[in-house]
Amino acid sequence: MRMKEDHMGNGQLKAAYNLQLSTENQFIINYTLHPNPGDTKTLLAHIKNFEHLYHKSPNEIVADAGYGSEENYIFLQKRKVKAYIKYNYFDKDQKTKTITSSPSNPKLSKLRHKPLVYY
């Protein structure tokens, strides 16, 4: 990813573009370039480009938590794509949760009702 200085001029490096790659059996089968640095907003356009090239949806996707969003989960579920994507706060929840067997535990209730998270 190419880096550039931000418009505030304080020396922080900001991403200039974001390259996404899809592979199958270690071969690159799809790539897209995006102007936004975050991965969450790139998945839909990347999958649509794959569908344009191959006239089908991918069978499954494996991605890190940077791609985890409700919008992405719904998009993949509608296309019947098996997704192995953590939701973006999964690791934080794993470190901070104190789960007991009590159904009244608010953290347990919150984790059980995360929308559309599937592995």
PDB file of N, CA and C in Angstrom:
ATOM      1  N   MET A   1       0.844  -1.165   0.000  1.00  0.00           N
ATOM      2  CA  MET A   1       0.000   0.000   0.000  1.00  0.00           C
ATOM      3  C   MET A   1       0.894   1.235   0.000  1.00  0.00           C
ATOM      4  N   ARG A   2       0.647   2.168  -0.869  1.00  0.00           N
ATOM      5  CA  ARG A   2       1.407   3.409  -0.934  1.00  0.00           C
ATOM      6  C   ARG A   2       0.977   4.325   0.204  1.00  0.00           C
ATOM      7  N   MET A   3       1.926   5.063   0.751  1.00  0.00           N
ATOM      8  CA  MET A   3       1.624   5.962   1.855  1.00  0.00           C
ATOM      9  C   MET A   3       1.923   7.397   1.439  1.00  0.00           C
ATOM     10  N   LYS A   4       1.203   8.348   2.040  1.00  0.00           N
ATOM     11  CA  LYS A   4       1.441   9.768   1.796  1.00  0.00           C
ATOM     12  C   LYS A   4       1.218  10.513   3.106  1.00  0.00           C
ATOM     13  N   GLU A   5       1.723  11.749   3.188  1.00  0.00           N
ATOM     14  CA  GLU A   5       1.480  12.546   4.387  1.00  0.00           C
ATOM     15  C   GLU A   5       0.053  13.064   4.368  1.00  0.00           C
ATOM     16  N   ASP A   6      -0.513  13.214   5.551  1.00  0.00           N
ATOM     17  CA  ASP A   6      -1.900  13.678   5.617  1.00  0.00           C
ATOM     18  C   ASP A   6      -1.981  15.176   5.355  1.00  0.00           C
ATOM     19  N   HIS A   7      -3.184  15.672   5.115  1.00  0.00           N
ATOM     20  CA  HIS A   7      -3.414  17.074   4.761  1.00  0.00           C
ATOM     21  C   HIS A   7      -3.126  18.033   5.916  1.00  0.00           C
ATOM     22  N   MET A   8      -3.097  17.545   7.152  1.00  0.00           N
ATOM     23  CA  MET A   8      -2.812  18.397   8.309  1.00  0.00           C
ATOM     24  C   MET A   8      -1.309  18.692   8.430  1.00  0.00           C
ATOM     25  N   GLY A   9      -0.500  17.918   7.750  1.00  0.00           N
ATOM     26  CA  GLY A   9       0.934  18.154   7.741  1.00  0.00           C
ATOM     27  C   GLY A   9       1.630  17.867   9.062  1.00  0.00           C
ATOM     28  N   ASN A  10       1.074  16.970   9.862  1.00  0.00           N
ATOM     29  CA  ASN A  10       1.691  16.671  11.156  1.00  0.00           C
ATOM     30  C   ASN A  10       2.623  15.456  11.105  1.00  0.00           C
ATOM     31  N   GLY A  11       2.944  14.985   9.935  1.00  0.00           N
ATOM     32  CA  GLY A  11       3.903  13.903   9.804  1.00  0.00           C
ATOM     33  C   GLY A  11       3.332  12.500   9.866  1.00  0.00           C
ATOM     34  N   GLN A  12       2.028  12.365  10.118  1.00  0.00           N
ATOM     35  CA  GLN A  12       1.427  11.031  10.133  1.00  0.00           C
ATOM     36  C   GLN A  12       1.286  10.523   8.705  1.00  0.00           C
ATOM     37  N   LEU A  13       1.544   9.249   8.529  1.00  0.00           N
ATOM     38  CA  LEU A  13       1.370   8.650   7.212  1.00  0.00           C
ATOM     39  C   LEU A  13      -0.045   8.115   7.074  1.00  0.00           C
ATOM     40  N   LYS A  14      -0.665   8.380   5.951  1.00  0.00           N
ATOM     41  CA  LYS A  14      -2.021   7.907   5.666  1.00  0.00           C
ATOM     42  C   LYS A  14      -1.990   7.077   4.384  1.00  0.00           C
ATOM     43  N   ALA A  15      -2.841   6.103   4.330  1.00  0.00           N
ATOM     44  CA  ALA A  15      -2.899   5.245   3.137  1.00  0.00           C
ATOM     45  C   ALA A  15      -3.425   6.024   1.942  1.00  0.00           C
ATOM     46  N   ALA A  16      -2.810   5.835   0.790  1.00  0.00           N
ATOM     47  CA  ALA A  16      -3.241   6.501  -0.432  1.00  0.00           C
ATOM     48  C   ALA A  16      -4.236   5.636  -1.198  1.00  0.00           C
ATOM     49  N   TYR A  17      -4.097   4.344  -1.139  1.00  0.00           N
ATOM     50  CA  TYR A  17      -5.043   3.433  -1.775  1.00  0.00           C
ATOM     51  C   TYR A  17      -4.945   2.072  -1.102  1.00  0.00           C
ATOM     52  N   ASN A  18      -5.883   1.206  -1.438  1.00  0.00           N
ATOM     53  CA  ASN A  18      -5.967  -0.102  -0.790  1.00  0.00           C
ATOM     54  C   ASN A  18      -6.113  -1.161  -1.882  1.00  0.00           C
ATOM     55  N   LEU A  19      -5.190  -2.063  -1.966  1.00  0.00           N
ATOM     56  CA  LEU A  19      -5.212  -3.151  -2.944  1.00  0.00           C
ATOM     57  C   LEU A  19      -5.818  -4.392  -2.298  1.00  0.00           C
ATOM     58  N   GLN A  20      -6.821  -4.964  -2.942  1.00  0.00           N
ATOM     59  CA  GLN A  20      -7.453  -6.200  -2.470  1.00  0.00           C
ATOM     60  C   GLN A  20      -7.149  -7.308  -3.478  1.00  0.00           C
ATOM     61  N   LEU A  21      -6.811  -8.485  -2.976  1.00  0.00           N
ATOM     62  CA  LEU A  21      -6.521  -9.643  -3.822  1.00  0.00           C
ATOM     63  C   LEU A  21      -7.367 -10.823  -3.393  1.00  0.00           C
ATOM     64  N   SER A  22      -7.820 -11.602  -4.371  1.00  0.00           N
ATOM     65  CA  SER A  22      -8.466 -12.891  -4.106  1.00  0.00           C
ATOM     66  C   SER A  22      -7.579 -13.965  -4.708  1.00  0.00           C
ATOM     67  N   THR A  23      -7.421 -15.053  -3.974  1.00  0.00           N
ATOM     68  CA  THR A  23      -6.603 -16.155  -4.475  1.00  0.00           C
ATOM     69  C   THR A  23      -7.366 -17.466  -4.400  1.00  0.00           C
ATOM     70  N   GLU A  24      -6.952 -18.380  -5.244  1.00  0.00           N
ATOM     71  CA  GLU A  24      -7.448 -19.751  -5.197  1.00  0.00           C
ATOM     72  C   GLU A  24      -6.280 -20.652  -5.550  1.00  0.00           C
ATOM     73  N   ASN A  25      -5.983 -21.610  -4.684  1.00  0.00           N
ATOM     74  CA  ASN A  25      -4.831 -22.501  -4.880  1.00  0.00           C
ATOM     75  C   ASN A  25      -3.551 -21.709  -5.142  1.00  0.00           C
ATOM     76  N   GLN A  26      -3.372 -20.618  -4.426  1.00  0.00           N
ATOM     77  CA  GLN A  26      -2.201 -19.751  -4.468  1.00  0.00           C
ATOM     78  C   GLN A  26      -2.066 -18.943  -5.754  1.00  0.00           C
ATOM     79  N   PHE A  27      -3.095 -18.907  -6.594  1.00  0.00           N
ATOM     80  CA  PHE A  27      -3.097 -18.078  -7.789  1.00  0.00           C
ATOM     81  C   PHE A  27      -3.993 -16.873  -7.552  1.00  0.00           C
ATOM     82  N   ILE A  28      -3.546 -15.690  -7.973  1.00  0.00           N
ATOM     83  CA  ILE A  28      -4.379 -14.493  -7.875  1.00  0.00           C
ATOM     84  C   ILE A  28      -5.445 -14.582  -8.954  1.00  0.00           C
ATOM     85  N   ILE A  29      -6.705 -14.519  -8.552  1.00  0.00           N
ATOM     86  CA  ILE A  29      -7.808 -14.631  -9.507  1.00  0.00           C
ATOM     87  C   ILE A  29      -8.627 -13.344  -9.608  1.00  0.00           C
ATOM     88  N   ASN A  30      -8.389 -12.389  -8.710  1.00  0.00           N
ATOM     89  CA  ASN A  30      -9.131 -11.129  -8.735  1.00  0.00           C
ATOM     90  C   ASN A  30      -8.338 -10.092  -7.952  1.00  0.00           C
ATOM     91  N   TYR A  31      -8.354  -8.845  -8.444  1.00  0.00           N
ATOM     92  CA  TYR A  31      -7.782  -7.747  -7.669  1.00  0.00           C
ATOM     93  C   TYR A  31      -8.604  -6.495  -7.906  1.00  0.00           C
ATOM     94  N   THR A  32      -8.656  -5.636  -6.914  1.00  0.00           N
ATOM     95  CA  THR A  32      -9.325  -4.338  -7.022  1.00  0.00           C
ATOM     96  C   THR A  32      -8.524  -3.313  -6.234  1.00  0.00           C
ATOM     97  N   LEU A  33      -8.583  -2.058  -6.683  1.00  0.00           N
ATOM     98  CA  LEU A  33      -7.948  -0.935  -5.989  1.00  0.00           C
ATOM     99  C   LEU A  33      -9.033  -0.028  -5.444  1.00  0.00           C
ATOM    100  N   HIS A  34      -8.839   0.462  -4.218  1.00  0.00           N
ATOM    101  CA  HIS A  34      -9.849   1.282  -3.555  1.00  0.00           C
ATOM    102  C   HIS A  34      -9.197   2.521  -2.952  1.00  0.00           C
ATOM    103  N   PRO A  35      -9.904   3.658  -2.975  1.00  0.00           N
ATOM    104  CA  PRO A  35      -9.336   4.891  -2.419  1.00  0.00           C
ATOM    105  C   PRO A  35      -9.403   4.974  -0.895  1.00  0.00           C
ATOM    106  N   ASN A  36     -10.155   4.105  -0.254  1.00  0.00           N
ATOM    107  CA  ASN A  36     -10.297   4.157   1.204  1.00  0.00           C
ATOM    108  C   ASN A  36      -9.327   3.177   1.873  1.00  0.00           C
ATOM    109  N   PRO A  37      -8.723   3.591   2.996  1.00  0.00           N
ATOM    110  CA  PRO A  37      -7.719   2.740   3.631  1.00  0.00           C
ATOM    111  C   PRO A  37      -8.277   1.535   4.383  1.00  0.00           C
ATOM    112  N   GLY A  38      -9.520   1.578   4.830  1.00  0.00           N
ATOM    113  CA  GLY A  38     -10.091   0.476   5.608  1.00  0.00           C
ATOM    114  C   GLY A  38     -10.597  -0.658   4.739  1.00  0.00           C
ATOM    115  N   ASP A  39     -10.501  -1.873   5.246  1.00  0.00           N
ATOM    116  CA  ASP A  39     -10.939  -3.046   4.491  1.00  0.00           C
ATOM    117  C   ASP A  39     -12.450  -3.236   4.490  1.00  0.00           C
ATOM    118  N   THR A  40     -13.137  -2.758   5.512  1.00  0.00           N
ATOM    119  CA  THR A  40     -14.575  -3.002   5.652  1.00  0.00           C
ATOM    120  C   THR A  40     -15.351  -2.535   4.430  1.00  0.00           C
ATOM    121  N   LYS A  41     -15.006  -1.366   3.916  1.00  0.00           N
ATOM    122  CA  LYS A  41     -15.751  -0.776   2.799  1.00  0.00           C
ATOM    123  C   LYS A  41     -15.308  -1.294   1.430  1.00  0.00           C
ATOM    124  N   THR A  42     -14.335  -2.174   1.367  1.00  0.00           N
ATOM    125  CA  THR A  42     -13.845  -2.651   0.075  1.00  0.00           C
ATOM    126  C   THR A  42     -14.439  -3.990  -0.351  1.00  0.00           C
ATOM    127  N   LEU A  43     -14.991  -4.737   0.590  1.00  0.00           N
ATOM    128  CA  LEU A  43     -15.409  -6.111   0.292  1.00  0.00           C
ATOM    129  C   LEU A  43     -16.509  -6.185  -0.764  1.00  0.00           C
ATOM    130  N   LEU A  44     -17.537  -5.351  -0.660  1.00  0.00           N
ATOM    131  CA  LEU A  44     -18.659  -5.420  -1.595  1.00  0.00           C
ATOM    132  C   LEU A  44     -18.206  -5.193  -3.033  1.00  0.00           C
ATOM    133  N   ALA A  45     -17.423  -4.133  -3.255  1.00  0.00           N
ATOM    134  CA  ALA A  45     -16.943  -3.844  -4.608  1.00  0.00           C
ATOM    135  C   ALA A  45     -16.017  -4.951  -5.116  1.00  0.00           C
ATOM    136  N   HIS A  46     -15.227  -5.506  -4.227  1.00  0.00           N
ATOM    137  CA  HIS A  46     -14.307  -6.578  -4.622  1.00  0.00           C
ATOM    138  C   HIS A  46     -15.078  -7.830  -5.056  1.00  0.00           C
ATOM    139  N   ILE A  47     -16.098  -8.196  -4.315  1.00  0.00           N
ATOM    140  CA  ILE A  47     -16.918  -9.365  -4.667  1.00  0.00           C
ATOM    141  C   ILE A  47     -17.695  -9.103  -5.952  1.00  0.00           C
ATOM    142  N   LYS A  48     -18.219  -7.898  -6.105  1.00  0.00           N
ATOM    143  CA  LYS A  48     -18.944  -7.564  -7.342  1.00  0.00           C
ATOM    144  C   LYS A  48     -18.021  -7.656  -8.554  1.00  0.00           C
ATOM    145  N   ASN A  49     -16.760  -7.254  -8.404  1.00  0.00           N
ATOM    146  CA  ASN A  49     -15.803  -7.392  -9.498  1.00  0.00           C
ATOM    147  C   ASN A  49     -15.552  -8.866  -9.811  1.00  0.00           C
ATOM    148  N   PHE A  50     -15.432  -9.700  -8.778  1.00  0.00           N
ATOM    149  CA  PHE A  50     -15.280 -11.141  -8.971  1.00  0.00           C
ATOM    150  C   PHE A  50     -16.472 -11.689  -9.755  1.00  0.00           C
ATOM    151  N   GLU A  51     -17.678 -11.293  -9.367  1.00  0.00           N
ATOM    152  CA  GLU A  51     -18.893 -11.773 -10.048  1.00  0.00           C
ATOM    153  C   GLU A  51     -18.940 -11.308 -11.499  1.00  0.00           C
ATOM    154  N   HIS A  52     -18.448 -10.099 -11.752  1.00  0.00           N
ATOM    155  CA  HIS A  52     -18.403  -9.589 -13.123  1.00  0.00           C
ATOM    156  C   HIS A  52     -17.435 -10.420 -13.980  1.00  0.00           C
ATOM    157  N   LEU A  53     -16.307 -10.781 -13.410  1.00  0.00           N
ATOM    158  CA  LEU A  53     -15.301 -11.553 -14.149  1.00  0.00           C
ATOM    159  C   LEU A  53     -15.708 -13.000 -14.389  1.00  0.00           C
ATOM    160  N   TYR A  54     -16.319 -13.630 -13.379  1.00  0.00           N
ATOM    161  CA  TYR A  54     -16.560 -15.072 -13.429  1.00  0.00           C
ATOM    162  C   TYR A  54     -18.032 -15.458 -13.504  1.00  0.00           C
ATOM    163  N   HIS A  55     -18.916 -14.473 -13.504  1.00  0.00           N
ATOM    164  CA  HIS A  55     -20.369 -14.703 -13.620  1.00  0.00           C
ATOM    165  C   HIS A  55     -20.904 -15.646 -12.548  1.00  0.00           C
ATOM    166  N   LYS A  56     -20.323 -15.568 -11.363  1.00  0.00           N
ATOM    167  CA  LYS A  56     -20.800 -16.336 -10.212  1.00  0.00           C
ATOM    168  C   LYS A  56     -20.215 -15.714  -8.950  1.00  0.00           C
ATOM    169  N   SER A  57     -20.802 -16.057  -7.822  1.00  0.00           N
ATOM    170  CA  SER A  57     -20.263 -15.624  -6.529  1.00  0.00           C
ATOM    171  C   SER A  57     -19.219 -16.633  -6.067  1.00  0.00           C
ATOM    172  N   PRO A  58     -18.262 -16.202  -5.261  1.00  0.00           N
ATOM    173  CA  PRO A  58     -17.323 -17.185  -4.711  1.00  0.00           C
ATOM    174  C   PRO A  58     -18.047 -18.141  -3.768  1.00  0.00           C
ATOM    175  N   ASN A  59     -17.535 -19.334  -3.611  1.00  0.00           N
ATOM    176  CA  ASN A  59     -18.153 -20.316  -2.712  1.00  0.00           C
ATOM    177  C   ASN A  59     -17.935 -19.968  -1.252  1.00  0.00           C
ATOM    178  N   GLU A  60     -16.725 -19.503  -0.926  1.00  0.00           N
ATOM    179  CA  GLU A  60     -16.412 -19.161   0.456  1.00  0.00           C
ATOM    180  C   GLU A  60     -15.362 -18.062   0.497  1.00  0.00           C
ATOM    181  N   ILE A  61     -15.343 -17.362   1.625  1.00  0.00           N
ATOM    182  CA  ILE A  61     -14.394 -16.272   1.831  1.00  0.00           C
ATOM    183  C   ILE A  61     -13.766 -16.438   3.205  1.00  0.00           C
ATOM    184  N   VAL A  62     -12.455 -16.278   3.263  1.00  0.00           N
ATOM    185  CA  VAL A  62     -11.733 -16.247   4.530  1.00  0.00           C
ATOM    186  C   VAL A  62     -11.078 -14.871   4.611  1.00  0.00           C
ATOM    187  N   ALA A  63     -11.371 -14.138   5.684  1.00  0.00           N
ATOM    188  CA  ALA A  63     -10.821 -12.788   5.836  1.00  0.00           C
ATOM    189  C   ALA A  63     -10.659 -12.461   7.313  1.00  0.00           C
ATOM    190  N   ASP A  64      -9.841 -11.460   7.593  1.00  0.00           N
ATOM    191  CA  ASP A  64      -9.631 -11.070   8.988  1.00  0.00           C
ATOM    192  C   ASP A  64     -10.761 -10.161   9.471  1.00  0.00           C
ATOM    193  N   ALA A  65     -10.677  -9.767  10.729  1.00  0.00           N
ATOM    194  CA  ALA A  65     -11.751  -8.996  11.356  1.00  0.00           C
ATOM    195  C   ALA A  65     -11.925  -7.605  10.747  1.00  0.00           C
ATOM    196  N   GLY A  66     -10.964  -7.133   9.986  1.00  0.00           N
ATOM    197  CA  GLY A  66     -11.097  -5.841   9.318  1.00  0.00           C
ATOM    198  C   GLY A  66     -12.239  -5.804   8.314  1.00  0.00           C
ATOM    199  N   TYR A  67     -12.684  -6.959   7.866  1.00  0.00           N
ATOM    200  CA  TYR A  67     -13.788  -7.047   6.908  1.00  0.00           C
ATOM    201  C   TYR A  67     -15.127  -7.289   7.595  1.00  0.00           C
ATOM    202  N   GLY A  68     -15.116  -7.468   8.899  1.00  0.00           N
ATOM    203  CA  GLY A  68     -16.330  -7.807   9.638  1.00  0.00           C
ATOM    204  C   GLY A  68     -17.247  -6.619   9.828  1.00  0.00           C
ATOM    205  N   SER A  69     -18.407  -6.652   9.190  1.00  0.00           N
ATOM    206  CA  SER A  69     -19.447  -5.642   9.395  1.00  0.00           C
ATOM    207  C   SER A  69     -20.792  -6.279   9.065  1.00  0.00           C
ATOM    208  N   GLU A  70     -21.827  -5.741   9.643  1.00  0.00           N
ATOM    209  CA  GLU A  70     -23.162  -6.281   9.390  1.00  0.00           C
ATOM    210  C   GLU A  70     -23.513  -6.180   7.909  1.00  0.00           C
ATOM    211  N   GLU A  71     -23.144  -5.063   7.292  1.00  0.00           N
ATOM    212  CA  GLU A  71     -23.412  -4.880   5.862  1.00  0.00           C
ATOM    213  C   GLU A  71     -22.740  -5.981   5.035  1.00  0.00           C
ATOM    214  N   ASN A  72     -21.494  -6.295   5.351  1.00  0.00           N
ATOM    215  CA  ASN A  72     -20.780  -7.346   4.624  1.00  0.00           C
ATOM    216  C   ASN A  72     -21.381  -8.719   4.874  1.00  0.00           C
ATOM    217  N   TYR A  73     -21.763  -9.010   6.128  1.00  0.00           N
ATOM    218  CA  TYR A  73     -22.377 -10.306   6.439  1.00  0.00           C
ATOM    219  C   TYR A  73     -23.687 -10.496   5.680  1.00  0.00           C
ATOM    220  N   ILE A  74     -24.516  -9.461   5.639  1.00  0.00           N
ATOM    221  CA  ILE A  74     -25.801  -9.546   4.923  1.00  0.00           C
ATOM    222  C   ILE A  74     -25.558  -9.747   3.433  1.00  0.00           C
ATOM    223  N   PHE A  75     -24.629  -8.976   2.868  1.00  0.00           N
ATOM    224  CA  PHE A  75     -24.287  -9.077   1.449  1.00  0.00           C
ATOM    225  C   PHE A  75     -23.871 -10.505   1.088  1.00  0.00           C
ATOM    226  N   LEU A  76     -22.996 -11.095   1.889  1.00  0.00           N
ATOM    227  CA  LEU A  76     -22.512 -12.455   1.615  1.00  0.00           C
ATOM    228  C   LEU A  76     -23.593 -13.500   1.849  1.00  0.00           C
ATOM    229  N   GLN A  77     -24.408 -13.290   2.868  1.00  0.00           N
ATOM    230  CA  GLN A  77     -25.482 -14.237   3.163  1.00  0.00           C
ATOM    231  C   GLN A  77     -26.501 -14.276   2.022  1.00  0.00           C
ATOM    232  N   LYS A  78     -26.834 -13.115   1.454  1.00  0.00           N
ATOM    233  CA  LYS A  78     -27.776 -13.061   0.325  1.00  0.00           C
ATOM    234  C   LYS A  78     -27.232 -13.811  -0.888  1.00  0.00           C
ATOM    235  N   ARG A  79     -25.919 -13.813  -1.050  1.00  0.00           N
ATOM    236  CA  ARG A  79     -25.295 -14.496  -2.181  1.00  0.00           C
ATOM    237  C   ARG A  79     -24.912 -15.943  -1.861  1.00  0.00           C
ATOM    238  N   LYS A  80     -25.280 -16.394  -0.658  1.00  0.00           N
ATOM    239  CA  LYS A  80     -24.998 -17.766  -0.218  1.00  0.00           C
ATOM    240  C   LYS A  80     -23.501 -18.087  -0.242  1.00  0.00           C
ATOM    241  N   VAL A  81     -22.697 -17.095   0.162  1.00  0.00           N
ATOM    242  CA  VAL A  81     -21.255 -17.271   0.266  1.00  0.00           C
ATOM    243  C   VAL A  81     -20.937 -17.666   1.701  1.00  0.00           C
ATOM    244  N   LYS A  82     -20.232 -18.760   1.868  1.00  0.00           N
ATOM    245  CA  LYS A  82     -19.831 -19.197   3.209  1.00  0.00           C
ATOM    246  C   LYS A  82     -18.682 -18.293   3.661  1.00  0.00           C
ATOM    247  N   ALA A  83     -18.905 -17.562   4.752  1.00  0.00           N
ATOM    248  CA  ALA A  83     -17.933 -16.556   5.195  1.00  0.00           C
ATOM    249  C   ALA A  83     -17.259 -16.968   6.490  1.00  0.00           C
ATOM    250  N   TYR A  84     -15.953 -16.897   6.495  1.00  0.00           N
ATOM    251  CA  TYR A  84     -15.153 -17.115   7.695  1.00  0.00           C
ATOM    252  C   TYR A  84     -14.526 -15.765   8.053  1.00  0.00           C
ATOM    253  N   ILE A  85     -15.345 -14.888   8.622  1.00  0.00           N
ATOM    254  CA  ILE A  85     -14.924 -13.529   8.948  1.00  0.00           C
ATOM    255  C   ILE A  85     -15.349 -13.210  10.373  1.00  0.00           C
ATOM    256  N   LYS A  86     -14.393 -12.891  11.218  1.00  0.00           N
ATOM    257  CA  LYS A  86     -14.723 -12.474  12.578  1.00  0.00           C
ATOM    258  C   LYS A  86     -15.401 -11.107  12.524  1.00  0.00           C
ATOM    259  N   TYR A  87     -16.283 -10.838  13.487  1.00  0.00           N
ATOM    260  CA  TYR A  87     -16.776  -9.468  13.594  1.00  0.00           C
ATOM    261  C   TYR A  87     -15.644  -8.625  14.179  1.00  0.00           C
ATOM    262  N   ASN A  88     -15.675  -7.317  13.895  1.00  0.00           N
ATOM    263  CA  ASN A  88     -14.505  -6.482  14.157  1.00  0.00           C
ATOM    264  C   ASN A  88     -14.131  -6.323  15.627  1.00  0.00           C
ATOM    265  N   TYR A  89     -15.015  -6.627  16.573  1.00  0.00           N
ATOM    266  CA  TYR A  89     -14.662  -6.532  17.993  1.00  0.00           C
ATOM    267  C   TYR A  89     -14.510  -7.913  18.640  1.00  0.00           C
ATOM    268  N   PHE A  90     -14.357  -8.946  17.850  1.00  0.00           N
ATOM    269  CA  PHE A  90     -14.266 -10.309  18.368  1.00  0.00           C
ATOM    270  C   PHE A  90     -13.121 -10.460  19.372  1.00  0.00           C
ATOM    271  N   ASP A  91     -11.919 -10.050  18.984  1.00  0.00           N
ATOM    272  CA  ASP A  91     -10.762 -10.224  19.863  1.00  0.00           C
ATOM    273  C   ASP A  91     -10.903  -9.406  21.143  1.00  0.00           C
ATOM    274  N   LYS A  92     -11.423  -8.194  21.023  1.00  0.00           N
ATOM    275  CA  LYS A  92     -11.637  -7.362  22.210  1.00  0.00           C
ATOM    276  C   LYS A  92     -12.645  -8.027  23.144  1.00  0.00           C
ATOM    277  N   ASP A  93     -13.727  -8.552  22.592  1.00  0.00           N
ATOM    278  CA  ASP A  93     -14.732  -9.239  23.403  1.00  0.00           C
ATOM    279  C   ASP A  93     -14.141 -10.469  24.090  1.00  0.00           C
ATOM    280  N   GLN A  94     -13.254 -11.175  23.413  1.00  0.00           N
ATOM    281  CA  GLN A  94     -12.645 -12.367  24.001  1.00  0.00           C
ATOM    282  C   GLN A  94     -11.766 -12.012  25.200  1.00  0.00           C
ATOM    283  N   LYS A  95     -11.117 -10.856  25.140  1.00  0.00           N
ATOM    284  CA  LYS A  95     -10.228 -10.438  26.228  1.00  0.00           C
ATOM    285  C   LYS A  95     -10.997  -9.872  27.413  1.00  0.00           C
ATOM    286  N   THR A  96     -12.129  -9.206  27.161  1.00  0.00           N
ATOM    287  CA  THR A  96     -12.821  -8.484  28.227  1.00  0.00           C
ATOM    288  C   THR A  96     -14.030  -9.200  28.790  1.00  0.00           C
ATOM    289  N   LYS A  97     -14.509 -10.246  28.138  1.00  0.00           N
ATOM    290  CA  LYS A  97     -15.742 -10.877  28.606  1.00  0.00           C
ATOM    291  C   LYS A  97     -15.511 -11.707  29.869  1.00  0.00           C
ATOM    292  N   THR A  98     -16.505 -11.717  30.716  1.00  0.00           N
ATOM    293  CA  THR A  98     -16.509 -12.564  31.908  1.00  0.00           C
ATOM    294  C   THR A  98     -17.816 -13.333  31.880  1.00  0.00           C
ATOM    295  N   ILE A  99     -17.820 -14.417  31.163  1.00  0.00           N
ATOM    296  CA  ILE A  99     -19.051 -15.163  30.952  1.00  0.00           C
ATOM    297  C   ILE A  99     -19.271 -16.139  32.103  1.00  0.00           C
ATOM    298  N   THR A 100     -20.483 -16.124  32.602  1.00  0.00           N
ATOM    299  CA  THR A 100     -20.907 -17.117  33.583  1.00  0.00           C
ATOM    300  C   THR A 100     -22.085 -17.858  32.981  1.00  0.00           C
ATOM    301  N   SER A 101     -22.595 -18.813  33.693  1.00  0.00           N
ATOM    302  CA  SER A 101     -23.723 -19.576  33.172  1.00  0.00           C
ATOM    303  C   SER A 101     -25.048 -18.851  33.376  1.00  0.00           C
ATOM    304  N   SER A 102     -25.013 -17.667  34.004  1.00  0.00           N
ATOM    305  CA  SER A 102     -26.238 -16.922  34.278  1.00  0.00           C
ATOM    306  C   SER A 102     -26.779 -16.263  33.013  1.00  0.00           C
ATOM    307  N   PRO A 103     -28.039 -16.520  32.647  1.00  0.00           N
ATOM    308  CA  PRO A 103     -28.609 -15.862  31.467  1.00  0.00           C
ATOM    309  C   PRO A 103     -28.828 -14.373  31.679  1.00  0.00           C
ATOM    310  N   SER A 104     -28.734 -13.893  32.913  1.00  0.00           N
ATOM    311  CA  SER A 104     -28.933 -12.468  33.165  1.00  0.00           C
ATOM    312  C   SER A 104     -27.650 -11.659  32.987  1.00  0.00           C
ATOM    313  N   ASN A 105     -26.537 -12.338  32.698  1.00  0.00           N
ATOM    314  CA  ASN A 105     -25.277 -11.636  32.490  1.00  0.00           C
ATOM    315  C   ASN A 105     -25.374 -10.816  31.201  1.00  0.00           C
ATOM    316  N   PRO A 106     -25.274  -9.463  31.261  1.00  0.00           N
ATOM    317  CA  PRO A 106     -25.452  -8.646  30.057  1.00  0.00           C
ATOM    318  C   PRO A 106     -24.401  -8.904  28.983  1.00  0.00           C
ATOM    319  N   LYS A 107     -23.165  -9.192  29.383  1.00  0.00           N
ATOM    320  CA  LYS A 107     -22.143  -9.475  28.369  1.00  0.00           C
ATOM    321  C   LYS A 107     -22.462 -10.762  27.625  1.00  0.00           C
ATOM    322  N   LEU A 108     -22.903 -11.776  28.332  1.00  0.00           N
ATOM    323  CA  LEU A 108     -23.268 -13.042  27.706  1.00  0.00           C
ATOM    324  C   LEU A 108     -24.432 -12.836  26.754  1.00  0.00           C
ATOM    325  N   SER A 109     -25.422 -12.094  27.189  1.00  0.00           N
ATOM    326  CA  SER A 109     -26.583 -11.825  26.347  1.00  0.00           C
ATOM    327  C   SER A 109     -26.168 -11.086  25.084  1.00  0.00           C
ATOM    328  N   LYS A 110     -25.305 -10.086  25.234  1.00  0.00           N
ATOM    329  CA  LYS A 110     -24.838  -9.312  24.085  1.00  0.00           C
ATOM    330  C   LYS A 110     -24.089 -10.205  23.096  1.00  0.00           C
ATOM    331  N   LEU A 111     -23.211 -11.072  23.583  1.00  0.00           N
ATOM    332  CA  LEU A 111     -22.437 -11.939  22.699  1.00  0.00           C
ATOM    333  C   LEU A 111     -23.311 -12.964  21.987  1.00  0.00           C
ATOM    334  N   ARG A 112     -24.331 -13.443  22.662  1.00  0.00           N
ATOM    335  CA  ARG A 112     -25.207 -14.442  22.046  1.00  0.00           C
ATOM    336  C   ARG A 112     -26.056 -13.853  20.931  1.00  0.00           C
ATOM    337  N   HIS A 113     -26.281 -12.556  20.961  1.00  0.00           N
ATOM    338  CA  HIS A 113     -27.181 -11.935  19.995  1.00  0.00           C
ATOM    339  C   HIS A 113     -26.456 -11.038  19.002  1.00  0.00           C
ATOM    340  N   LYS A 114     -25.193 -11.294  18.752  1.00  0.00           N
ATOM    341  CA  LYS A 114     -24.491 -10.561  17.710  1.00  0.00           C
ATOM    342  C   LYS A 114     -25.149 -10.889  16.372  1.00  0.00           C
ATOM    343  N   PRO A 115     -25.533  -9.884  15.584  1.00  0.00           N
ATOM    344  CA  PRO A 115     -26.272 -10.158  14.354  1.00  0.00           C
ATOM    345  C   PRO A 115     -25.409 -10.766  13.244  1.00  0.00           C
ATOM    346  N   LEU A 116     -25.867 -11.834  12.680  1.00  0.00           N
ATOM    347  CA  LEU A 116     -25.343 -12.411  11.446  1.00  0.00           C
ATOM    348  C   LEU A 116     -23.861 -12.766  11.474  1.00  0.00           C
ATOM    349  N   VAL A 117     -23.336 -13.092  12.614  1.00  0.00           N
ATOM    350  CA  VAL A 117     -21.951 -13.536  12.687  1.00  0.00           C
ATOM    351  C   VAL A 117     -21.936 -15.035  12.516  1.00  0.00           C
ATOM    352  N   TYR A 118     -21.283 -15.507  11.474  1.00  0.00           N
ATOM    353  CA  TYR A 118     -21.204 -16.938  11.268  1.00  0.00           C
ATOM    354  C   TYR A 118     -19.816 -17.296  10.800  1.00  0.00           C
ATOM    355  N   TYR A 119     -19.365 -18.470  11.138  1.00  0.00           N
ATOM    356  CA  TYR A 119     -18.020 -18.933  10.799  1.00  0.00           C
ATOM    357  C   TYR A 119     -18.096 -20.191   9.994  1.00  0.00           C
TER     358      TYR A 119
END
